[in-house]
């Protein structure tokens, strides 16, 4: 089976998954207790006014017809217009206004665990049962067990009062002057100063968002390195006189990455799942915050559009994970058999 055929087959298998997720979204939003008419008109609206608005929005149609229209609209990318947050504005336009902040935060939330957690895990695996190994492993357990809601609040408080609690270290004026809370400026990242401010403002949120991933990747990386290091083919290469550098990079590193692939691709899911809390605490105001606001304010088209986008991202990352398996390890068959 060619790689193109394999990808096409996986795309077709993704369709029922997307349909199922979209159906659950419809049940939660349209068949749930949310009354968009009340949210739009307010508590002071009369029953006649609410009934008229429901008719205008198509909410008085049979549920099966609303469901069919909803599926067709989602699959044709007709996401509708925002009802409450930005009335009469296309939901796609609203999302694109907030998306860059979440992407910027997610980029750093994924980068930090990859370039810190994995090297630390491999370093611990290269020095097993030593103080350095114990220290790194203990740190991985600590980071993995810290709940995001606790770490986000604690970090925000510490950095906001850094001069008082960090022995005079002024975080807000360190490197470049920037607030601890607030959306990062992303209007001109070609300007070195604005780029530095954008990085500094998003780093605390990205650190909180990626803290558990950092611990997971470090621990899995250590275990994977030790397993590959003690495998038969590595022992054979060592017996043939392969140098230590070649042994690590050509025989151990690439194979030790295999268990880390699902962890790395799962970062997208973690960004989506944790962005609501982290963006709210640090005032990032990305799509996580936008989704929270659309749910509590009854902006159903906007909430549905965001949920549909989340489903596509999660399903798409599963496809990327399978493709990465075949690239990292050619022994993985595209037929589904080892």
Protein backbone atom coordinates (compact mmCIF):
# COMPACT_ATOMS: atom_id res chain seq x y z
CA UNK A 1 0.00 0.00 0.00
CA UNK A 2 1.42 3.40 -0.98
CA UNK A 3 1.59 6.20 1.56
CA UNK A 4 -1.01 8.17 -0.43
CA UNK A 5 -3.46 5.24 -0.33
CA UNK A 6 -2.81 4.78 3.37
CA UNK A 7 -3.53 8.45 4.10
CA UNK A 8 -6.68 8.37 1.94
CA UNK A 9 -7.91 5.27 3.80
CA UNK A 10 -7.32 6.92 7.17
CA UNK A 11 -9.13 10.07 6.03
CA UNK A 12 -12.17 8.00 5.10
CA UNK A 13 -12.08 6.24 8.48
CA UNK A 14 -12.03 9.64 10.18
CA UNK A 15 -15.43 10.58 8.75
CA UNK A 16 -17.59 8.49 11.14
CA UNK A 17 -15.51 9.71 14.07
CA UNK A 18 -16.12 13.33 13.09
CA UNK A 19 -19.84 12.62 12.56
CA UNK A 20 -20.08 11.06 16.03
CA UNK A 21 -18.26 13.94 17.70
CA UNK A 22 -20.35 16.50 15.84
CA UNK A 23 -23.54 14.68 16.86
CA UNK A 24 -22.53 14.76 20.52
CA UNK A 25 -21.86 18.48 20.13
CA UNK A 26 -25.36 19.01 18.74
CA UNK A 27 -26.96 17.09 21.62
CA UNK A 28 -25.06 19.11 24.23
CA UNK A 29 -25.71 22.51 22.67
CA UNK A 30 -29.07 22.32 20.93
CA UNK A 31 -30.86 19.71 23.04
CA UNK A 32 -29.44 21.01 26.32
CA UNK A 33 -30.81 23.52 28.83
CA UNK A 34 -29.28 26.59 27.14
CA UNK A 35 -31.88 29.09 25.91
CA UNK A 36 -30.18 31.36 23.36
CA UNK A 37 -33.23 33.64 23.12
CA UNK A 38 -32.99 34.50 26.81
CA UNK A 39 -29.24 35.07 26.57
CA UNK A 40 -29.64 37.37 23.56
CA UNK A 41 -32.67 39.36 24.73
CA UNK A 42 -31.97 39.28 28.45
CA UNK A 43 -34.14 38.28 31.39
CA UNK A 44 -36.53 41.18 30.84
CA UNK A 45 -37.77 39.93 27.46
CA UNK A 46 -41.36 38.77 27.18
CA UNK A 47 -42.38 35.26 26.17
CA UNK A 48 -43.65 36.57 22.82
CA UNK A 49 -40.31 38.24 22.09
CA UNK A 50 -38.40 35.09 22.94
CA UNK A 51 -40.73 32.96 20.78
CA UNK A 52 -40.30 35.34 17.84
CA UNK A 53 -36.51 35.23 18.15
CA UNK A 54 -36.49 31.42 18.36
CA UNK A 55 -38.49 31.34 15.13
CA UNK A 56 -35.99 33.69 13.46
CA UNK A 57 -33.09 31.51 14.59
CA UNK A 58 -34.81 28.30 13.44
CA UNK A 59 -34.99 26.89 16.96
CA UNK A 60 -38.71 26.10 16.62
CA UNK A 61 -38.08 23.54 13.89
CA UNK A 62 -38.19 19.80 14.66
CA UNK A 63 -35.04 18.58 16.37
CA UNK A 64 -34.23 16.13 13.59
CA UNK A 65 -34.32 18.92 11.01
CA UNK A 66 -32.08 21.10 13.15
CA UNK A 67 -29.69 18.15 13.47
CA UNK A 68 -29.59 17.54 9.70
CA UNK A 69 -29.02 21.24 8.99
CA UNK A 70 -26.33 21.34 11.65
CA UNK A 71 -24.40 18.41 10.14
CA UNK A 72 -24.63 19.82 6.62
CA UNK A 73 -23.49 23.25 7.77
CA UNK A 74 -20.52 21.86 9.70
CA UNK A 75 -19.33 19.59 6.89
CA UNK A 76 -19.67 22.39 4.34
CA UNK A 77 -17.84 24.76 6.73
CA UNK A 78 -20.86 27.04 6.98
CA UNK A 79 -20.23 27.90 10.62
CA UNK A 80 -22.92 30.57 10.85
CA UNK A 81 -22.75 33.86 12.74
CA UNK A 82 -22.16 34.73 16.35
CA UNK A 83 -25.36 35.45 18.27
CA UNK A 84 -24.09 37.04 21.48
CA UNK A 85 -20.37 37.77 21.69
CA UNK A 86 -20.07 39.56 18.31
CA UNK A 87 -23.59 39.62 16.85
CA UNK A 88 -23.95 39.33 13.08
CA UNK A 89 -20.26 38.50 12.69
CA UNK A 90 -19.23 35.26 11.01
CA UNK A 91 -18.16 32.67 13.58
CA UNK A 92 -15.07 31.87 11.51
CA UNK A 93 -14.03 35.52 11.59
CA UNK A 94 -14.49 35.69 15.35
CA UNK A 95 -12.41 32.54 15.83
CA UNK A 96 -9.62 33.82 13.59
CA UNK A 97 -9.41 36.99 15.67
CA UNK A 98 -8.66 34.98 18.82
CA UNK A 99 -6.85 31.96 17.33
CA UNK A 100 -3.32 33.48 16.96
CA UNK A 101 -2.99 33.92 20.75
CA UNK A 102 -3.79 30.27 21.42
CA UNK A 103 -1.51 29.11 18.62
CA UNK A 104 1.32 31.24 20.01
CA UNK A 105 0.79 29.88 23.51
CA UNK A 106 0.42 26.31 22.23
CA UNK A 107 3.62 26.58 20.19
CA UNK A 108 5.64 27.35 23.30
CA UNK A 109 3.68 24.87 25.42
CA UNK A 110 4.73 22.11 22.99
CA UNK A 111 8.28 23.38 22.46
CA UNK A 112 9.23 23.55 26.13
CA UNK A 113 8.49 19.87 26.94
CA UNK A 114 10.14 18.66 23.72
CA UNK A 115 13.39 20.57 24.17
CA UNK A 116 13.52 20.25 27.96
CA UNK A 117 11.67 17.07 28.95
CA UNK A 118 13.03 14.69 26.28
CA UNK A 119 16.71 15.72 26.66
CA UNK A 120 16.40 15.43 30.44
CA UNK A 121 14.84 11.97 30.08
CA UNK A 122 17.61 10.79 27.77
CA UNK A 123 20.22 12.34 30.07
CA UNK A 124 18.75 10.44 33.02
CA UNK A 125 18.74 7.24 30.93
CA UNK A 126 22.41 7.75 30.03
CA UNK A 127 23.25 8.00 33.74
CA UNK A 128 20.99 5.38 35.39
CA UNK A 129 20.90 4.94 39.16
CA UNK A 130 22.99 8.03 39.83
CA UNK A 131 22.19 11.19 41.74
CA UNK A 132 21.55 13.00 38.43
CA UNK A 133 19.11 10.28 37.40
CA UNK A 134 17.28 10.39 40.74
CA UNK A 135 17.13 14.20 40.70
CA UNK A 136 15.74 14.34 37.15
CA UNK A 137 13.24 11.54 37.82
CA UNK A 138 12.04 13.18 41.01
CA UNK A 139 11.60 16.45 39.13
CA UNK A 140 9.54 14.64 36.48
CA UNK A 141 7.24 13.20 39.13
CA UNK A 142 6.79 16.61 40.76
CA UNK A 143 5.99 18.41 37.50
CA UNK A 144 3.65 15.66 36.40
CA UNK A 145 1.65 15.79 39.63
CA UNK A 146 1.18 19.57 39.79
CA UNK A 147 -2.42 20.48 38.88
CA UNK A 148 -2.64 23.27 36.31
CA UNK A 149 -5.26 25.30 38.20
CA UNK A 150 -2.98 25.44 41.26
CA UNK A 151 0.25 26.07 39.38
CA UNK A 152 -1.32 28.80 37.23
CA UNK A 153 -2.54 30.82 40.22
CA UNK A 154 0.67 30.30 42.22
CA UNK A 155 2.90 31.28 39.30
CA UNK A 156 0.82 34.34 38.52
CA UNK A 157 0.99 35.52 42.15
CA UNK A 158 4.75 34.87 42.41
CA UNK A 159 5.64 36.65 39.16
CA UNK A 160 3.34 39.59 39.95
CA UNK A 161 5.12 40.07 43.30
CA UNK A 162 8.52 38.76 42.21
CA UNK A 163 10.56 41.50 43.93
CA UNK A 164 9.04 40.60 47.29
CA UNK A 165 9.14 36.80 47.03
CA UNK A 166 12.12 36.16 44.72
CA UNK A 167 14.74 38.12 46.70
CA UNK A 168 14.53 41.29 44.63
CA UNK A 169 14.27 39.69 41.19
CA UNK A 170 11.91 41.83 39.11
CA UNK A 171 10.28 39.54 36.55
CA UNK A 172 8.17 42.24 34.93
CA UNK A 173 11.21 44.36 34.06
CA UNK A 174 13.62 41.49 33.38
CA UNK A 175 14.83 41.35 29.73
CA UNK A 176 11.96 43.52 28.47
CA UNK A 177 9.15 45.24 30.35
CA UNK A 178 5.95 43.21 30.13
CA UNK A 179 2.92 42.43 32.27
CA UNK A 180 2.37 39.01 33.78
CA UNK A 181 -1.32 38.99 32.80
CA UNK A 182 -2.74 40.01 29.45
CA UNK A 183 -2.82 39.02 25.79
CA UNK A 184 0.59 39.00 24.09
CA UNK A 185 1.06 41.55 21.27
CA UNK A 186 1.18 39.62 18.00
CA UNK A 187 0.62 42.42 15.52
CA UNK A 188 4.28 42.77 14.45
CA UNK A 189 6.56 39.89 15.44
CA UNK A 190 9.22 41.08 12.98
CA UNK A 191 10.06 43.81 15.48
CA UNK A 192 12.64 42.26 17.90
CA UNK A 193 11.28 44.20 20.88
CA UNK A 194 7.65 43.21 20.24
CA UNK A 195 8.75 39.61 19.64
CA UNK A 196 10.56 39.58 23.00
CA UNK A 197 7.50 41.03 24.76
CA UNK A 198 5.21 38.46 23.09
CA UNK A 199 7.48 35.59 24.16
CA UNK A 200 7.85 36.85 27.72
CA UNK A 201 4.11 37.40 28.20
CA UNK A 202 3.19 33.91 26.98
CA UNK A 203 5.97 31.92 28.68
CA UNK A 204 4.28 31.60 32.12
CA UNK A 205 1.03 30.37 30.54
CA UNK A 206 2.92 28.04 28.18
CA UNK A 207 4.94 26.67 31.09
CA UNK A 208 1.79 25.87 33.06
CA UNK A 209 0.11 24.36 30.01
CA UNK A 210 3.08 22.11 29.25
CA UNK A 211 4.17 21.24 32.80
CA UNK A 212 2.58 17.78 32.96
CA UNK A 213 3.78 17.00 29.43
CA UNK A 214 7.30 17.91 30.46
CA UNK A 215 7.20 15.38 33.28
CA UNK A 216 5.60 12.69 31.13
CA UNK A 217 8.07 13.09 28.27
CA UNK A 218 11.00 13.06 30.67
CA UNK A 219 9.91 9.84 32.38
CA UNK A 220 8.93 8.05 29.16
CA UNK A 221 12.11 9.25 27.48
CA UNK A 222 14.23 7.81 30.29
CA UNK A 223 12.46 4.44 30.16
CA UNK A 224 12.59 4.28 26.36
CA UNK A 225 16.30 5.11 26.32
CA UNK A 226 17.10 2.37 28.84
CA UNK A 227 15.03 -0.21 26.95
CA UNK A 228 16.70 0.55 23.63
CA UNK A 229 20.13 0.83 25.23
CA UNK A 230 19.86 -2.74 26.57
CA UNK A 231 18.41 -4.24 23.37
CA UNK A 232 20.20 -6.95 21.40
CA UNK A 233 20.93 -4.91 18.27
CA UNK A 234 22.56 -2.15 20.34
CA UNK A 235 24.72 -4.75 22.08
CA UNK A 236 25.65 -6.13 18.66
CA UNK A 237 26.58 -2.67 17.38
CA UNK A 238 28.66 -2.06 20.50
CA UNK A 239 30.42 -5.41 20.02
CA UNK A 240 31.27 -4.42 16.43
CA UNK A 241 33.08 -1.38 17.73
CA UNK A 242 30.56 1.34 16.84
CA UNK A 243 31.60 4.59 18.51
CA UNK A 244 29.58 5.93 21.41
CA UNK A 245 28.33 8.98 19.49
CA UNK A 246 27.14 6.89 16.53
CA UNK A 247 25.63 4.35 18.89
CA UNK A 248 23.53 7.02 20.59
CA UNK A 249 22.42 8.99 17.52
CA UNK A 250 22.04 6.23 14.92
CA UNK A 251 20.87 3.26 17.00
CA UNK A 252 19.38 4.50 20.29
CA UNK A 253 17.95 7.98 19.81
CA UNK A 254 15.71 7.28 16.81
CA UNK A 255 14.24 4.08 18.26
CA UNK A 256 13.76 5.66 21.68
CA UNK A 257 11.57 8.31 20.04
CA UNK A 258 8.88 5.76 19.15
CA UNK A 259 7.10 5.73 22.55
CA UNK A 260 7.30 9.52 22.62
CA UNK A 261 5.37 10.04 19.37
CA UNK A 262 1.88 9.68 20.92
CA UNK A 263 2.91 11.96 23.80
CA UNK A 264 4.14 14.69 21.46
CA UNK A 265 1.11 14.53 19.17
CA UNK A 266 -1.18 14.51 22.20
CA UNK A 267 0.13 17.99 23.05
CA UNK A 268 -2.48 19.43 20.69
CA UNK A 269 -5.21 17.81 22.76
CA UNK A 270 -3.64 19.11 25.96
CA UNK A 271 -3.47 22.63 24.54
CA UNK A 272 -7.19 22.49 23.76
CA UNK A 273 -8.14 20.92 27.08
CA UNK A 274 -6.02 23.22 29.24
CA UNK A 275 -6.33 26.45 27.31
CA UNK A 276 -9.68 27.38 28.88
CA UNK A 277 -8.25 27.53 32.40
CA UNK A 278 -4.81 28.86 31.56
CA UNK A 279 -6.06 31.58 29.21
CA UNK A 280 -8.60 32.71 31.79
CA UNK A 281 -6.04 32.95 34.62
CA UNK A 282 -3.35 34.72 32.58
CA UNK A 283 -5.77 36.80 30.50
CA UNK A 284 -4.47 35.42 27.20
CA UNK A 285 -7.98 35.60 25.71
CA UNK A 286 -7.54 33.00 22.98
CA UNK A 287 -9.99 30.44 21.67
CA UNK A 288 -10.07 28.60 25.01
CA UNK A 289 -11.35 31.73 26.72
CA UNK A 290 -13.63 32.37 23.75
CA UNK A 291 -15.13 28.88 24.01
CA UNK A 292 -15.80 29.37 27.73
CA UNK A 293 -17.49 32.70 27.10
CA UNK A 294 -19.60 31.34 24.23
CA UNK A 295 -20.85 28.49 26.42
CA UNK A 296 -21.83 30.59 29.43
CA UNK A 297 -23.39 33.29 27.23
CA UNK A 298 -25.35 30.85 25.06
CA UNK A 299 -23.63 31.74 21.78
CA UNK A 300 -24.45 28.35 20.23
CA UNK A 301 -23.12 28.87 16.67
CA UNK A 302 -19.77 30.08 17.99
CA UNK A 303 -19.52 27.26 20.56
CA UNK A 304 -20.47 24.69 17.92
CA UNK A 305 -17.89 26.06 15.47
CA UNK A 306 -15.18 25.88 18.12
CA UNK A 307 -16.14 22.33 19.12
CA UNK A 308 -16.09 21.25 15.48
CA UNK A 309 -12.64 22.77 15.07
CA UNK A 310 -11.42 20.98 18.22
CA UNK A 311 -12.72 17.65 16.87
CA UNK A 312 -10.94 18.15 13.55
CA UNK A 313 -7.67 19.03 15.30
CA UNK A 314 -7.81 15.98 17.58
CA UNK A 315 -8.69 13.56 14.77
CA UNK A 316 -6.09 15.15 12.51
CA UNK A 317 -3.36 14.77 15.12
CA UNK A 318 -4.13 11.05 15.32
CA UNK A 319 -3.46 10.82 11.58
CA UNK A 320 -0.21 12.78 11.97
CA UNK A 321 0.81 10.38 14.74
CA UNK A 322 0.34 7.32 12.50
CA UNK A 323 2.30 8.95 9.68
CA UNK A 324 5.14 9.87 12.04
CA UNK A 325 5.35 6.23 13.15
CA UNK A 326 6.01 5.13 9.56
CA UNK A 327 8.63 7.87 9.08
CA UNK A 328 10.55 7.25 12.31
CA UNK A 329 10.44 3.46 12.05
CA UNK A 330 10.25 2.03 8.49
CA UNK A 331 9.45 -1.36 10.01
CA UNK A 332 5.95 -0.11 10.76
CA UNK A 333 3.79 -1.45 7.96
CA UNK A 334 1.25 0.69 6.12
CA UNK A 335 -0.90 -2.42 5.90
CA UNK A 336 -1.44 -2.40 9.66
CA UNK A 337 0.66 -5.54 10.21
CA UNK A 338 4.15 -5.54 11.73
